[in-house]
Amino acid sequence: FMQLEELSTSIDVVMVCSSISESYRQLVKRFPRYVFDFI
């Protein structure tokens, strides 16, 4: 939704989860303008 609506690129997103899987790392590559980290 952020990407489709072209929300501001001044929004930094950190993905938060209990376990970081390789599939999550692959999915996040679709959103490079927003996501900058996992924790």
All heavy atoms as atom14 arrays in JSON, in Angstrom:
{
  "sequence": "FMQLEELSTSIDVVMVCSSISESYRQLVKRFPRYVFDFI",
  "atom14_mask": [
    [1, 1, 1, 1, 1, 1, 1, 1, 1, 1, 1, 0, 0, 0],
    [1, 1, 1, 1, 1, 1, 1, 1, 0, 0, 0, 0, 0, 0],
    [1, 1, 1, 1, 1, 1, 1, 1, 1, 0, 0, 0, 0, 0],
    [1, 1, 1, 1, 1, 1, 1, 1, 0, 0, 0, 0, 0, 0],
    [1, 1, 1, 1, 1, 1, 1, 1, 1, 0, 0, 0, 0, 0],
    [1, 1, 1, 1, 1, 1, 1, 1, 1, 0, 0, 0, 0, 0],
    [1, 1, 1, 1, 1, 1, 1, 1, 0, 0, 0, 0, 0, 0],
    [1, 1, 1, 1, 1, 1, 0, 0, 0, 0, 0, 0, 0, 0],
    [1, 1, 1, 1, 1, 1, 1, 0, 0, 0, 0, 0, 0, 0],
    [1, 1, 1, 1, 1, 1, 0, 0, 0, 0, 0, 0, 0, 0],
    [1, 1, 1, 1, 1, 1, 1, 1, 0, 0, 0, 0, 0, 0],
    [1, 1, 1, 1, 1, 1, 1, 1, 0, 0, 0, 0, 0, 0],
    [1, 1, 1, 1, 1, 1, 1, 0, 0, 0, 0, 0, 0, 0],
    [1, 1, 1, 1, 1, 1, 1, 0, 0, 0, 0, 0, 0, 0],
    [1, 1, 1, 1, 1, 1, 1, 1, 0, 0, 0, 0, 0, 0],
    [1, 1, 1, 1, 1, 1, 1, 0, 0, 0, 0, 0, 0, 0],
    [1, 1, 1, 1, 1, 1, 0, 0, 0, 0, 0, 0, 0, 0],
    [1, 1, 1, 1, 1, 1, 0, 0, 0, 0, 0, 0, 0, 0],
    [1, 1, 1, 1, 1, 1, 0, 0, 0, 0, 0, 0, 0, 0],
    [1, 1, 1, 1, 1, 1, 1, 1, 0, 0, 0, 0, 0, 0],
    [1, 1, 1, 1, 1, 1, 0, 0, 0, 0, 0, 0, 0, 0],
    [1, 1, 1, 1, 1, 1, 1, 1, 1, 0, 0, 0, 0, 0],
    [1, 1, 1, 1, 1, 1, 0, 0, 0, 0, 0, 0, 0, 0],
    [1, 1, 1, 1, 1, 1, 1, 1, 1, 1, 1, 1, 0, 0],
    [1, 1, 1, 1, 1, 1, 1, 1, 1, 1, 1, 0, 0, 0],
    [1, 1, 1, 1, 1, 1, 1, 1, 1, 0, 0, 0, 0, 0],
    [1, 1, 1, 1, 1, 1, 1, 1, 0, 0, 0, 0, 0, 0],
    [1, 1, 1, 1, 1, 1, 1, 0, 0, 0, 0, 0, 0, 0],
    [1, 1, 1, 1, 1, 1, 1, 1, 1, 0, 0, 0, 0, 0],
    [1, 1, 1, 1, 1, 1, 1, 1, 1, 1, 1, 0, 0, 0],
    [1, 1, 1, 1, 1, 1, 1, 1, 1, 1, 1, 0, 0, 0],
    [1, 1, 1, 1, 1, 1, 1, 0, 0, 0, 0, 0, 0, 0],
    [1, 1, 1, 1, 1, 1, 1, 1, 1, 1, 1, 0, 0, 0],
    [1, 1, 1, 1, 1, 1, 1, 1, 1, 1, 1, 1, 0, 0],
    [1, 1, 1, 1, 1, 1, 1, 0, 0, 0, 0, 0, 0, 0],
    [1, 1, 1, 1, 1, 1, 1, 1, 1, 1, 1, 0, 0, 0],
    [1, 1, 1, 1, 1, 1, 1, 1, 0, 0, 0, 0, 0, 0],
    [1, 1, 1, 1, 1, 1, 1, 1, 1, 1, 1, 0, 0, 0],
    [1, 1, 1, 1, 1, 1, 1, 1, 0, 0, 0, 0, 0, 0]
  ],
  "atom14_positions": [
    [[0.83, -1.21, 0.0], [0.0, 0.0, 0.0], [0.86, 1.26, 0.0], [0.57, 2.22, -0.71], [-0.96, 0.01, 1.19], [-2.2, -0.8, 0.97], [-2.35, -2.02, 1.61], [-3.2, -0.35, 0.13], [-3.49, -2.78, 1.41], [-4.35, -1.11, -0.08], [-4.49, -2.33, 0.57], [0.0, 0.0, 0.0], [0.0, 0.0, 0.0], [0.0, 0.0, 0.0]],
    [[1.92, 1.26, 0.79], [2.82, 2.41, 0.81], [3.36, 2.68, -0.59], [3.4, 3.83, -1.04], [3.98, 2.18, 1.78], [3.63, 2.27, 3.23], [5.07, 2.03, 4.32], [6.04, 3.5, 3.92], [0.0, 0.0, 0.0], [0.0, 0.0, 0.0], [0.0, 0.0, 0.0], [0.0, 0.0, 0.0], [0.0, 0.0, 0.0], [0.0, 0.0, 0.0]],
    [[3.77, 1.62, -1.26], [4.37, 1.75, -2.58], [3.32, 2.16, -3.63], [3.56, 3.07, -4.43], [5.01, 0.42, -2.97], [5.9, 0.5, -4.18], [6.79, -0.72, -4.27], [7.73, -0.85, -3.5], [6.47, -1.61, -5.18], [0.0, 0.0, 0.0], [0.0, 0.0, 0.0], [0.0, 0.0, 0.0], [0.0, 0.0, 0.0], [0.0, 0.0, 0.0]],
    [[2.16, 1.52, -3.61], [1.1, 1.84, -4.58], [0.63, 3.29, -4.45], [0.35, 3.95, -5.44], [-0.1, 0.91, -4.39], [0.07, -0.51, -4.93], [-1.09, -1.4, -4.47], [0.15, -0.5, -6.44], [0.0, 0.0, 0.0], [0.0, 0.0, 0.0], [0.0, 0.0, 0.0], [0.0, 0.0, 0.0], [0.0, 0.0, 0.0], [0.0, 0.0, 0.0]],
    [[0.55, 3.76, -3.21], [0.07, 5.12, -2.96], [1.2, 6.13, -2.99], [0.97, 7.31, -2.76], [-0.66, 5.15, -1.62], [-1.89, 4.28, -1.64], [-2.58, 4.2, -0.29], [-2.48, 5.17, 0.49], [-3.21, 3.17, -0.03], [0.0, 0.0, 0.0], [0.0, 0.0, 0.0], [0.0, 0.0, 0.0], [0.0, 0.0, 0.0], [0.0, 0.0, 0.0]],
    [[2.41, 5.64, -3.24], [3.59, 6.5, -3.32], [3.72, 7.41, -2.11], [3.89, 8.63, -2.23], [3.58, 7.29, -4.62], [3.64, 6.4, -5.84], [3.68, 7.16, -7.16], [3.48, 8.39, -7.17], [3.92, 6.5, -8.19], [0.0, 0.0, 0.0], [0.0, 0.0, 0.0], [0.0, 0.0, 0.0], [0.0, 0.0, 0.0], [0.0, 0.0, 0.0]],
    [[3.65, 6.79, -0.93], [3.86, 7.56, 0.29], [5.3, 8.08, 0.3], [6.17, 7.56, -0.4], [3.58, 6.7, 1.52], [2.13, 6.26, 1.72], [1.97, 5.51, 3.04], [1.17, 7.44, 1.68], [0.0, 0.0, 0.0], [0.0, 0.0, 0.0], [0.0, 0.0, 0.0], [0.0, 0.0, 0.0], [0.0, 0.0, 0.0], [0.0, 0.0, 0.0]],
    [[5.53, 9.07, 1.08], [6.82, 9.75, 1.13], [7.99, 8.79, 1.31], [7.93, 7.86, 2.12], [6.82, 10.76, 2.28], [8.1, 11.3, 2.44], [0.0, 0.0, 0.0], [0.0, 0.0, 0.0], [0.0, 0.0, 0.0], [0.0, 0.0, 0.0], [0.0, 0.0, 0.0], [0.0, 0.0, 0.0], [0.0, 0.0, 0.0], [0.0, 0.0, 0.0]],
    [[9.05, 9.03, 0.57], [10.26, 8.22, 0.73], [11.07, 8.65, 1.95], [12.11, 8.08, 2.23], [11.14, 8.28, -0.53], [11.45, 9.65, -0.8], [10.45, 7.64, -1.71], [0.0, 0.0, 0.0], [0.0, 0.0, 0.0], [0.0, 0.0, 0.0], [0.0, 0.0, 0.0], [0.0, 0.0, 0.0], [0.0, 0.0, 0.0], [0.0, 0.0, 0.0]],
    [[10.56, 9.64, 2.68], [11.22, 10.02, 3.93], [10.74, 9.14, 5.09], [11.12, 9.35, 6.23], [10.98, 11.5, 4.24], [9.62, 11.73, 4.5], [0.0, 0.0, 0.0], [0.0, 0.0, 0.0], [0.0, 0.0, 0.0], [0.0, 0.0, 0.0], [0.0, 0.0, 0.0], [0.0, 0.0, 0.0], [0.0, 0.0, 0.0], [0.0, 0.0, 0.0]],
    [[9.91, 8.14, 4.77], [9.46, 7.16, 5.76], [10.42, 5.97, 5.69], [10.55, 5.32, 4.66], [8.02, 6.69, 5.47], [7.06, 7.87, 5.5], [7.61, 5.61, 6.46], [5.65, 7.55, 5.01], [0.0, 0.0, 0.0], [0.0, 0.0, 0.0], [0.0, 0.0, 0.0], [0.0, 0.0, 0.0], [0.0, 0.0, 0.0], [0.0, 0.0, 0.0]],
    [[11.12, 5.72, 6.8], [12.02, 4.57, 6.91], [11.3, 3.45, 7.65], [10.74, 3.68, 8.72], [13.28, 4.94, 7.69], [14.18, 5.9, 6.94], [14.09, 5.98, 5.7], [14.99, 6.58, 7.59], [0.0, 0.0, 0.0], [0.0, 0.0, 0.0], [0.0, 0.0, 0.0], [0.0, 0.0, 0.0], [0.0, 0.0, 0.0], [0.0, 0.0, 0.0]],
    [[11.33, 2.25, 7.09], [10.66, 1.11, 7.7], [11.69, 0.09, 8.15], [12.6, -0.26, 7.4], [9.67, 0.45, 6.71], [9.02, -0.78, 7.33], [8.62, 1.45, 6.24], [0.0, 0.0, 0.0], [0.0, 0.0, 0.0], [0.0, 0.0, 0.0], [0.0, 0.0, 0.0], [0.0, 0.0, 0.0], [0.0, 0.0, 0.0], [0.0, 0.0, 0.0]],
    [[11.52, -0.37, 9.38], [12.29, -1.47, 9.91], [11.31, -2.61, 10.15], [10.33, -2.44, 10.87], [13.02, -1.11, 11.22], [13.69, -2.33, 11.83], [14.04, -0.01, 10.97], [0.0, 0.0, 0.0], [0.0, 0.0, 0.0], [0.0, 0.0, 0.0], [0.0, 0.0, 0.0], [0.0, 0.0, 0.0], [0.0, 0.0, 0.0], [0.0, 0.0, 0.0]],
    [[11.55, -3.73, 9.51], [10.7, -4.9, 9.67], [11.05, -5.58, 10.99], [12.23, -5.82, 11.28], [10.88, -5.87, 8.51], [10.66, -5.27, 7.15], [9.02, -4.57, 6.89], [8.06, -6.05, 6.67], [0.0, 0.0, 0.0], [0.0, 0.0, 0.0], [0.0, 0.0, 0.0], [0.0, 0.0, 0.0], [0.0, 0.0, 0.0], [0.0, 0.0, 0.0]],
    [[10.01, -5.87, 11.79], [10.21, -6.45, 13.1], [9.53, -7.81, 13.13], [8.34, -7.92, 12.8], [9.61, -5.54, 14.19], [9.85, -6.12, 15.58], [10.17, -4.12, 14.1], [0.0, 0.0, 0.0], [0.0, 0.0, 0.0], [0.0, 0.0, 0.0], [0.0, 0.0, 0.0], [0.0, 0.0, 0.0], [0.0, 0.0, 0.0], [0.0, 0.0, 0.0]],
    [[10.28, -8.84, 13.5], [9.67, -10.17, 13.56], [10.42, -11.04, 14.57], [11.53, -10.71, 14.99], [9.65, -10.83, 12.19], [11.25, -10.95, 11.42], [0.0, 0.0, 0.0], [0.0, 0.0, 0.0], [0.0, 0.0, 0.0], [0.0, 0.0, 0.0], [0.0, 0.0, 0.0], [0.0, 0.0, 0.0], [0.0, 0.0, 0.0], [0.0, 0.0, 0.0]],
    [[9.77, -12.14, 14.94], [10.4, -13.03, 15.92], [11.48, -13.9, 15.29], [12.37, -14.37, 15.97], [9.35, -13.88, 16.63], [8.47, -14.44, 15.7], [0.0, 0.0, 0.0], [0.0, 0.0, 0.0], [0.0, 0.0, 0.0], [0.0, 0.0, 0.0], [0.0, 0.0, 0.0], [0.0, 0.0, 0.0], [0.0, 0.0, 0.0], [0.0, 0.0, 0.0]],
    [[11.39, -14.14, 13.98], [12.46, -14.85, 13.29], [12.54, -14.34, 11.86], [11.53, -14.17, 11.19], [12.23, -16.36, 13.3], [11.13, -16.69, 12.5], [0.0, 0.0, 0.0], [0.0, 0.0, 0.0], [0.0, 0.0, 0.0], [0.0, 0.0, 0.0], [0.0, 0.0, 0.0], [0.0, 0.0, 0.0], [0.0, 0.0, 0.0], [0.0, 0.0, 0.0]],
    [[13.74, -14.06, 11.42], [13.95, -13.49, 10.09], [14.32, -14.62, 9.14], [15.41, -15.17, 9.21], [15.06, -12.42, 10.12], [14.7, -11.32, 11.11], [15.3, -11.86, 8.73], [15.82, -10.38, 11.44], [0.0, 0.0, 0.0], [0.0, 0.0, 0.0], [0.0, 0.0, 0.0], [0.0, 0.0, 0.0], [0.0, 0.0, 0.0], [0.0, 0.0, 0.0]],
    [[13.39, -14.96, 8.27], [13.63, -16.06, 7.33], [14.2, -15.52, 6.02], [14.09, -14.33, 5.72], [12.32, -16.8, 7.06], [11.47, -16.01, 6.26], [0.0, 0.0, 0.0], [0.0, 0.0, 0.0], [0.0, 0.0, 0.0], [0.0, 0.0, 0.0], [0.0, 0.0, 0.0], [0.0, 0.0, 0.0], [0.0, 0.0, 0.0], [0.0, 0.0, 0.0]],
    [[14.77, -16.42, 5.26], [15.3, -16.05, 3.95], [14.18, -15.57, 3.03], [14.37, -14.66, 2.23], [16.07, -17.22, 3.32], [16.77, -16.86, 2.03], [17.74, -15.67, 2.15], [18.4, -15.52, 3.19], [17.83, -14.89, 1.19], [0.0, 0.0, 0.0], [0.0, 0.0, 0.0], [0.0, 0.0, 0.0], [0.0, 0.0, 0.0], [0.0, 0.0, 0.0]],
    [[13.0, -16.18, 3.15], [11.87, -15.74, 2.31], [11.48, -14.29, 2.62], [11.13, -13.54, 1.71], [10.67, -16.67, 2.48], [10.18, -16.63, 3.8], [0.0, 0.0, 0.0], [0.0, 0.0, 0.0], [0.0, 0.0, 0.0], [0.0, 0.0, 0.0], [0.0, 0.0, 0.0], [0.0, 0.0, 0.0], [0.0, 0.0, 0.0], [0.0, 0.0, 0.0]],
    [[11.56, -13.89, 3.89], [11.3, -12.49, 4.24], [12.34, -11.58, 3.59], [12.01, -10.52, 3.07], [11.34, -12.28, 5.75], [10.18, -12.88, 6.52], [10.28, -13.06, 7.89], [9.01, -13.25, 5.9], [9.23, -13.59, 8.62], [7.96, -13.79, 6.62], [8.08, -13.96, 7.99], [7.03, -14.48, 8.71], [0.0, 0.0, 0.0], [0.0, 0.0, 0.0]],
    [[13.59, -11.98, 3.64], [14.65, -11.18, 3.03], [14.44, -11.0, 1.53], [14.73, -9.95, 0.97], [16.01, -11.79, 3.31], [16.42, -11.67, 4.77], [17.87, -12.07, 4.97], [18.2, -12.09, 6.37], [18.48, -11.02, 7.11], [18.45, -9.83, 6.57], [18.77, -11.14, 8.38], [0.0, 0.0, 0.0], [0.0, 0.0, 0.0], [0.0, 0.0, 0.0]],
    [[13.93, -12.03, 0.89], [13.65, -11.94, -0.55], [12.46, -11.03, -0.82], [12.49, -10.21, -1.73], [13.4, -13.34, -1.14], [14.64, -14.23, -1.14], [15.82, -13.58, -1.85], [15.7, -13.04, -2.93], [16.98, -13.64, -1.21], [0.0, 0.0, 0.0], [0.0, 0.0, 0.0], [0.0, 0.0, 0.0], [0.0, 0.0, 0.0], [0.0, 0.0, 0.0]],
    [[11.4, -11.16, -0.02], [10.2, -10.34, -0.2], [10.5, -8.85, 0.0], [9.96, -8.0, -0.71], [9.1, -10.77, 0.76], [8.33, -12.03, 0.39], [7.46, -12.48, 1.55], [7.48, -11.78, -0.84], [0.0, 0.0, 0.0], [0.0, 0.0, 0.0], [0.0, 0.0, 0.0], [0.0, 0.0, 0.0], [0.0, 0.0, 0.0], [0.0, 0.0, 0.0]],
    [[11.33, -8.54, 0.96], [11.6, -7.14, 1.28], [12.35, -6.43, 0.15], [12.28, -5.21, 0.03], [12.34, -7.03, 2.63], [13.82, -7.24, 2.48], [12.04, -5.72, 3.31], [0.0, 0.0, 0.0], [0.0, 0.0, 0.0], [0.0, 0.0, 0.0], [0.0, 0.0, 0.0], [0.0, 0.0, 0.0], [0.0, 0.0, 0.0], [0.0, 0.0, 0.0]],
    [[13.01, -7.17, -0.71], [13.74, -6.57, -1.83], [12.8, -5.86, -2.8], [13.24, -5.04, -3.59], [14.56, -7.64, -2.56], [15.74, -8.11, -1.76], [16.52, -9.16, -2.5], [17.7, -9.63, -1.66], [18.46, -10.66, -2.33], [0.0, 0.0, 0.0], [0.0, 0.0, 0.0], [0.0, 0.0, 0.0], [0.0, 0.0, 0.0], [0.0, 0.0, 0.0]],
    [[11.5, -6.14, -2.7], [10.52, -5.46, -3.55], [10.23, -4.03, -3.07], [9.55, -3.29, -3.76], [9.21, -6.27, -3.58], [9.41, -7.63, -4.21], [8.15, -8.48, -4.29], [6.91, -7.86, -3.94], [5.94, -8.48, -3.27], [6.09, -9.73, -2.87], [4.82, -7.86, -2.99], [0.0, 0.0, 0.0], [0.0, 0.0, 0.0], [0.0, 0.0, 0.0]],
    [[10.75, -3.67, -1.91], [10.42, -2.36, -1.31], [11.68, -1.6, -0.89], [11.77, -1.09, 0.23], [9.5, -2.57, -0.11], [8.32, -3.44, -0.4], [8.33, -4.78, -0.04], [7.22, -2.94, -1.06], [7.25, -5.6, -0.33], [6.13, -3.75, -1.35], [6.15, -5.08, -0.98], [0.0, 0.0, 0.0], [0.0, 0.0, 0.0], [0.0, 0.0, 0.0]],
    [[12.64, -1.44, -1.78], [13.91, -0.81, -1.39], [13.8, 0.67, -1.03], [14.65, 1.19, -0.32], [14.8, -1.01, -2.62], [13.85, -1.11, -3.76], [12.63, -1.8, -3.2], [0.0, 0.0, 0.0], [0.0, 0.0, 0.0], [0.0, 0.0, 0.0], [0.0, 0.0, 0.0], [0.0, 0.0, 0.0], [0.0, 0.0, 0.0], [0.0, 0.0, 0.0]],
    [[12.75, 1.33, -1.5], [12.65, 2.76, -1.18], [12.18, 3.02, 0.25], [12.27, 4.14, 0.73], [11.75, 3.46, -2.19], [10.28, 3.11, -2.08], [9.46, 3.58, -3.23], [9.16, 4.99, -3.15], [8.24, 5.58, -3.88], [7.56, 4.89, -4.76], [8.01, 6.86, -3.75], [0.0, 0.0, 0.0], [0.0, 0.0, 0.0], [0.0, 0.0, 0.0]],
    [[11.68, 1.97, 0.92], [11.19, 2.14, 2.29], [11.97, 1.34, 3.33], [12.38, 1.87, 4.35], [9.71, 1.76, 2.39], [8.81, 2.64, 1.57], [8.15, 2.15, 0.46], [8.64, 3.98, 1.89], [7.33, 2.96, -0.31], [7.83, 4.8, 1.14], [7.17, 4.29, 0.03], [6.38, 5.1, -0.72], [0.0, 0.0, 0.0], [0.0, 0.0, 0.0]],
    [[12.17, 0.06, 3.09], [12.74, -0.83, 4.11], [14.25, -0.71, 4.15], [14.91, -0.83, 3.13], [12.34, -2.29, 3.85], [12.96, -3.21, 4.91], [10.83, -2.45, 3.85], [0.0, 0.0, 0.0], [0.0, 0.0, 0.0], [0.0, 0.0, 0.0], [0.0, 0.0, 0.0], [0.0, 0.0, 0.0], [0.0, 0.0, 0.0], [0.0, 0.0, 0.0]],
    [[14.78, -0.47, 5.34], [16.23, -0.39, 5.43], [16.82, -1.37, 6.43], [18.04, -1.49, 6.51], [16.71, 1.04, 5.71], [16.59, 1.51, 7.13], [17.64, 1.37, 8.01], [15.42, 2.1, 7.57], [17.53, 1.81, 9.32], [15.31, 2.55, 8.87], [16.37, 2.4, 9.74], [0.0, 0.0, 0.0], [0.0, 0.0, 0.0], [0.0, 0.0, 0.0]],
    [[15.97, -2.14, 7.15], [16.55, -3.09, 8.09], [15.49, -4.07, 8.6], [14.29, -3.84, 8.44], [17.16, -2.35, 9.28], [18.23, -3.15, 10.01], [18.54, -4.28, 9.59], [18.77, -2.62, 11.0], [0.0, 0.0, 0.0], [0.0, 0.0, 0.0], [0.0, 0.0, 0.0], [0.0, 0.0, 0.0], [0.0, 0.0, 0.0], [0.0, 0.0, 0.0]],
    [[15.98, -5.16, 9.18], [15.19, -6.13, 9.93], [15.72, -6.12, 11.35], [16.94, -6.0, 11.55], [15.45, -7.55, 9.42], [14.7, -7.95, 8.2], [15.3, -7.88, 6.96], [13.41, -8.44, 8.3], [14.64, -8.31, 5.83], [12.73, -8.86, 7.17], [13.34, -8.79, 5.94], [0.0, 0.0, 0.0], [0.0, 0.0, 0.0], [0.0, 0.0, 0.0]],
    [[14.84, -6.3, 12.33], [15.3, -6.56, 13.69], [14.39, -7.61, 14.3], [13.22, -7.74, 13.93], [15.35, -5.3, 14.59], [14.0, -4.61, 14.68], [16.42, -4.36, 14.14], [13.97, -3.5, 15.71], [0.0, 0.0, 0.0], [0.0, 0.0, 0.0], [0.0, 0.0, 0.0], [0.0, 0.0, 0.0], [0.0, 0.0, 0.0], [0.0, 0.0, 0.0]]
  ]
}
